Amino acid sequence: MNRLQLLPNRFKMIGWFIFLPSLILGLISLSRVMNFEISLPVIYNSGFFSDENQGFFKTAEIDLFPNLFGILIIIGGILVGFSKEKIEDEYISSLRLKSVFWSLIVSYSIVFILFITVFGSLFLTVMILIMFLPLVLYVFRFNYLLLKK
């Protein structure tokens, strides 16, 4: 049987130390309690979607914390979700597959509901949050099934 290419087990604990605080602080940062804006060159109004010829990069004020915590959620989630267990066998592989399948079904069910119920600028905000949902659900579902075992 072909084995999944997973990270070594030692990355799992590092991932938890990155993932959980980043998830909590990321949700808090959305309430604008923590606000720290910096000026960065970004791809913005590049002419593809507007009539303005402002070049490829533009300097924009970016709220640092939601972006930083989003990056850390992804890094921590990948380290937690895709690190080997101490005993990596076929049962663990089947739990991984079931967890991925479950997280995708739940995520796209939520996206479907949001498409028919949420509109306007709130829709864009919700879709940005939904980007993290499959990874977050996979991590929690897989570890829940492991603990239940």
C-alpha atoms as a PDB file:
ATOM      1  CA  MET A   1       0.000   0.000   0.000  1.00  0.00           C
ATOM      2  CA  ASN A   2       1.289   3.471  -0.845  1.00  0.00           C
ATOM      3  CA  ARG A   3       2.022   5.533   2.230  1.00  0.00           C
ATOM      4  CA  LEU A   4       1.240   9.230   2.480  1.00  0.00           C
ATOM      5  CA  GLN A   5       4.239  11.530   2.552  1.00  0.00           C
ATOM      6  CA  LEU A   6       3.814  13.052   6.001  1.00  0.00           C
ATOM      7  CA  LEU A   7       5.964  15.276   8.160  1.00  0.00           C
ATOM      8  CA  PRO A   8       7.859  13.751  11.084  1.00  0.00           C
ATOM      9  CA  ASN A   9       5.932  13.397  14.356  1.00  0.00           C
ATOM     10  CA  ARG A  10       7.978  16.075  16.155  1.00  0.00           C
ATOM     11  CA  PHE A  11       6.296  18.787  14.032  1.00  0.00           C
ATOM     12  CA  LYS A  12       2.870  17.988  15.500  1.00  0.00           C
ATOM     13  CA  MET A  13       3.582  19.590  18.896  1.00  0.00           C
ATOM     14  CA  ILE A  14       5.177  22.629  17.257  1.00  0.00           C
ATOM     15  CA  GLY A  15       2.085  22.904  15.072  1.00  0.00           C
ATOM     16  CA  TRP A  16      -0.252  22.890  18.071  1.00  0.00           C
ATOM     17  CA  PHE A  17       1.745  25.723  19.678  1.00  0.00           C
ATOM     18  CA  ILE A  18       1.336  27.764  16.495  1.00  0.00           C
ATOM     19  CA  PHE A  19      -2.191  26.699  15.486  1.00  0.00           C
ATOM     20  CA  LEU A  20      -4.298  27.148  18.638  1.00  0.00           C
ATOM     21  CA  PRO A  21      -3.019  30.582  19.744  1.00  0.00           C
ATOM     22  CA  SER A  22      -3.162  31.842  16.160  1.00  0.00           C
ATOM     23  CA  LEU A  23      -6.732  30.615  15.752  1.00  0.00           C
ATOM     24  CA  ILE A  24      -7.841  32.308  18.973  1.00  0.00           C
ATOM     25  CA  LEU A  25      -5.911  35.534  18.334  1.00  0.00           C
ATOM     26  CA  GLY A  26      -7.041  35.570  14.710  1.00  0.00           C
ATOM     27  CA  LEU A  27     -10.687  35.493  15.763  1.00  0.00           C
ATOM     28  CA  ILE A  28     -10.028  38.216  18.334  1.00  0.00           C
ATOM     29  CA  SER A  29      -8.234  40.364  15.740  1.00  0.00           C
ATOM     30  CA  LEU A  30     -11.343  40.337  13.547  1.00  0.00           C
ATOM     31  CA  SER A  31     -13.133  42.332  16.247  1.00  0.00           C
ATOM     32  CA  ARG A  32     -10.562  45.111  15.696  1.00  0.00           C
ATOM     33  CA  VAL A  33      -9.441  44.969  19.328  1.00  0.00           C
ATOM     34  CA  MET A  34      -5.889  44.603  18.048  1.00  0.00           C
ATOM     35  CA  ASN A  35      -5.236  47.012  15.214  1.00  0.00           C
ATOM     36  CA  PHE A  36      -1.795  47.631  13.756  1.00  0.00           C
ATOM     37  CA  GLU A  37      -1.598  48.908  10.208  1.00  0.00           C
ATOM     38  CA  ILE A  38       1.542  48.882   8.117  1.00  0.00           C
ATOM     39  CA  SER A  39       2.232  50.142   4.633  1.00  0.00           C
ATOM     40  CA  LEU A  40       3.226  47.401   2.174  1.00  0.00           C
ATOM     41  CA  PRO A  41       3.531  47.061  -1.594  1.00  0.00           C
ATOM     42  CA  VAL A  42       0.681  44.829  -2.755  1.00  0.00           C
ATOM     43  CA  ILE A  43      -0.866  43.736  -6.038  1.00  0.00           C
ATOM     44  CA  TYR A  44      -3.721  46.182  -6.181  1.00  0.00           C
ATOM     45  CA  ASN A  45      -5.673  47.869  -8.992  1.00  0.00           C
ATOM     46  CA  SER A  46      -3.319  46.339 -11.500  1.00  0.00           C
ATOM     47  CA  GLY A  47      -5.489  47.250 -14.475  1.00  0.00           C
ATOM     48  CA  PHE A  48      -6.919  43.759 -14.921  1.00  0.00           C
ATOM     49  CA  PHE A  49     -10.146  44.568 -13.103  1.00  0.00           C
ATOM     50  CA  SER A  50     -10.279  48.347 -13.390  1.00  0.00           C
ATOM     51  CA  ASP A  51      -9.651  51.075 -15.948  1.00  0.00           C
ATOM     52  CA  GLU A  52      -7.005  52.760 -13.823  1.00  0.00           C
ATOM     53  CA  ASN A  53      -3.398  52.412 -14.935  1.00  0.00           C
ATOM     54  CA  GLN A  54      -1.660  52.485 -11.611  1.00  0.00           C
ATOM     55  CA  GLY A  55       0.908  49.798 -12.290  1.00  0.00           C
ATOM     56  CA  PHE A  56       1.263  46.317 -10.925  1.00  0.00           C
ATOM     57  CA  PHE A  57       2.142  47.208  -7.338  1.00  0.00           C
ATOM     58  CA  LYS A  58       0.686  49.851  -5.113  1.00  0.00           C
ATOM     59  CA  THR A  59       1.453  50.737  -1.536  1.00  0.00           C
ATOM     60  CA  ALA A  60      -1.526  50.077   0.706  1.00  0.00           C
ATOM     61  CA  GLU A  61      -2.284  50.222   4.404  1.00  0.00           C
ATOM     62  CA  ILE A  62      -2.688  46.631   5.597  1.00  0.00           C
ATOM     63  CA  ASP A  63      -4.005  45.495   8.969  1.00  0.00           C
ATOM     64  CA  LEU A  64      -1.120  43.273  10.082  1.00  0.00           C
ATOM     65  CA  PHE A  65      -2.739  40.992  12.654  1.00  0.00           C
ATOM     66  CA  PRO A  66      -5.482  39.245  10.613  1.00  0.00           C
ATOM     67  CA  ASN A  67      -2.954  38.566   7.857  1.00  0.00           C
ATOM     68  CA  LEU A  68      -0.253  37.384  10.243  1.00  0.00           C
ATOM     69  CA  PHE A  69      -2.608  35.111  12.169  1.00  0.00           C
ATOM     70  CA  GLY A  70      -4.047  33.756   8.919  1.00  0.00           C
ATOM     71  CA  ILE A  71      -0.567  32.733   7.785  1.00  0.00           C
ATOM     72  CA  LEU A  72       0.171  31.174  11.184  1.00  0.00           C
ATOM     73  CA  ILE A  73      -3.152  29.261  11.170  1.00  0.00           C
ATOM     74  CA  ILE A  74      -2.219  27.738   7.824  1.00  0.00           C
ATOM     75  CA  ILE A  75       1.317  26.844   8.913  1.00  0.00           C
ATOM     76  CA  GLY A  76       0.197  25.444  12.269  1.00  0.00           C
ATOM     77  CA  GLY A  77      -2.722  23.564  10.716  1.00  0.00           C
ATOM     78  CA  ILE A  78      -0.486  21.922   8.141  1.00  0.00           C
ATOM     79  CA  LEU A  79       2.048  20.943  10.806  1.00  0.00           C
ATOM     80  CA  VAL A  80      -0.670  19.437  13.014  1.00  0.00           C
ATOM     81  CA  GLY A  81      -2.770  17.848  10.304  1.00  0.00           C
ATOM     82  CA  PHE A  82      -0.013  16.376   8.189  1.00  0.00           C
ATOM     83  CA  SER A  83       2.478  15.112  10.753  1.00  0.00           C
ATOM     84  CA  LYS A  84       2.831  11.415  11.409  1.00  0.00           C
ATOM     85  CA  GLU A  85       1.371   9.863  14.503  1.00  0.00           C
ATOM     86  CA  LYS A  86       3.699   7.856  16.756  1.00  0.00           C
ATOM     87  CA  ILE A  87       2.154   4.712  15.299  1.00  0.00           C
ATOM     88  CA  GLU A  88       1.119   5.407  11.721  1.00  0.00           C
ATOM     89  CA  ASP A  89      -0.860   2.436  10.415  1.00  0.00           C
ATOM     90  CA  GLU A  90      -3.677   1.766   7.945  1.00  0.00           C
ATOM     91  CA  TYR A  91      -6.326   2.609  10.531  1.00  0.00           C
ATOM     92  CA  ILE A  92      -4.803   6.073  11.027  1.00  0.00           C
ATOM     93  CA  SER A  93      -4.718   6.515   7.236  1.00  0.00           C
ATOM     94  CA  SER A  94      -8.406   5.641   7.041  1.00  0.00           C
ATOM     95  CA  LEU A  95      -9.145   8.168   9.813  1.00  0.00           C
ATOM     96  CA  ARG A  96      -7.250  10.794   7.834  1.00  0.00           C
ATOM     97  CA  LEU A  97      -9.273  10.047   4.714  1.00  0.00           C
ATOM     98  CA  LYS A  98     -12.583  10.069   6.602  1.00  0.00           C
ATOM     99  CA  SER A  99     -11.638  13.353   8.290  1.00  0.00           C
ATOM    100  CA  VAL A 100     -10.724  15.040   5.001  1.00  0.00           C
ATOM    101  CA  PHE A 101     -13.932  13.832   3.380  1.00  0.00           C
ATOM    102  CA  TRP A 102     -16.034  14.948   6.351  1.00  0.00           C
ATOM    103  CA  SER A 103     -14.373  18.387   6.509  1.00  0.00           C
ATOM    104  CA  LEU A 104     -14.973  18.985   2.794  1.00  0.00           C
ATOM    105  CA  ILE A 105     -18.629  17.916   2.978  1.00  0.00           C
ATOM    106  CA  VAL A 106     -19.262  20.173   5.994  1.00  0.00           C
ATOM    107  CA  SER A 107     -17.303  23.096   4.506  1.00  0.00           C
ATOM    108  CA  TYR A 108     -19.089  23.048   1.176  1.00  0.00           C
ATOM    109  CA  SER A 109     -22.457  22.570   2.862  1.00  0.00           C
ATOM    110  CA  ILE A 110     -21.766  25.740   4.827  1.00  0.00           C
ATOM    111  CA  VAL A 111     -20.593  27.529   1.660  1.00  0.00           C
ATOM    112  CA  PHE A 112     -23.805  26.475  -0.114  1.00  0.00           C
ATOM    113  CA  ILE A 113     -25.940  27.856   2.709  1.00  0.00           C
ATOM    114  CA  LEU A 114     -23.936  31.097   2.757  1.00  0.00           C
ATOM    115  CA  PHE A 115     -24.318  31.545  -1.015  1.00  0.00           C
ATOM    116  CA  ILE A 116     -28.078  31.648  -0.650  1.00  0.00           C
ATOM    117  CA  THR A 117     -28.293  33.597   2.615  1.00  0.00           C
ATOM    118  CA  VAL A 118     -25.417  36.134   2.859  1.00  0.00           C
ATOM    119  CA  PHE A 119     -24.952  39.066   0.464  1.00  0.00           C
ATOM    120  CA  GLY A 120     -22.989  42.297   0.146  1.00  0.00           C
ATOM    121  CA  SER A 121     -19.655  43.024   1.750  1.00  0.00           C
ATOM    122  CA  LEU A 122     -20.396  40.571   4.563  1.00  0.00           C
ATOM    123  CA  PHE A 123     -20.296  37.799   1.943  1.00  0.00           C
ATOM    124  CA  LEU A 124     -16.674  38.653   1.056  1.00  0.00           C
ATOM    125  CA  THR A 125     -15.677  38.671   4.728  1.00  0.00           C
ATOM    126  CA  VAL A 126     -17.352  35.323   5.328  1.00  0.00           C
ATOM    127  CA  MET A 127     -15.729  33.780   2.235  1.00  0.00           C
ATOM    128  CA  ILE A 128     -12.306  34.877   3.475  1.00  0.00           C
ATOM    129  CA  LEU A 129     -12.990  33.071   6.751  1.00  0.00           C
ATOM    130  CA  ILE A 130     -14.288  30.005   4.882  1.00  0.00           C
ATOM    131  CA  MET A 131     -10.833  29.588   3.291  1.00  0.00           C
ATOM    132  CA  PHE A 132      -9.578  28.277   6.617  1.00  0.00           C
ATOM    133  CA  LEU A 133     -12.561  26.071   7.373  1.00  0.00           C
ATOM    134  CA  PRO A 134     -11.548  22.785   5.625  1.00  0.00           C
ATOM    135  CA  LEU A 135      -8.122  22.763   7.307  1.00  0.00           C
ATOM    136  CA  VAL A 136      -9.490  23.702  10.730  1.00  0.00           C
ATOM    137  CA  LEU A 137     -12.302  21.138  10.531  1.00  0.00           C
ATOM    138  CA  TYR A 138      -9.896  18.440   9.326  1.00  0.00           C
ATOM    139  CA  VAL A 139      -7.464  19.064  12.204  1.00  0.00           C
ATOM    140  CA  PHE A 140     -10.170  18.989  14.852  1.00  0.00           C
ATOM    141  CA  ARG A 141     -12.102  16.058  13.350  1.00  0.00           C
ATOM    142  CA  PHE A 142      -9.004  13.896  12.869  1.00  0.00           C
ATOM    143  CA  ASN A 143      -7.767  14.515  16.398  1.00  0.00           C
ATOM    144  CA  TYR A 144     -11.266  13.966  17.806  1.00  0.00           C
ATOM    145  CA  LEU A 145     -11.451  10.570  16.054  1.00  0.00           C
ATOM    146  CA  LEU A 146      -7.962   9.719  17.361  1.00  0.00           C
ATOM    147  CA  LEU A 147      -8.944  10.536  20.934  1.00  0.00           C
ATOM    148  CA  LYS A 148     -12.215   8.641  20.562  1.00  0.00           C
ATOM    149  CA  LYS A 149     -10.312   5.548  19.397  1.00  0.00           C
END
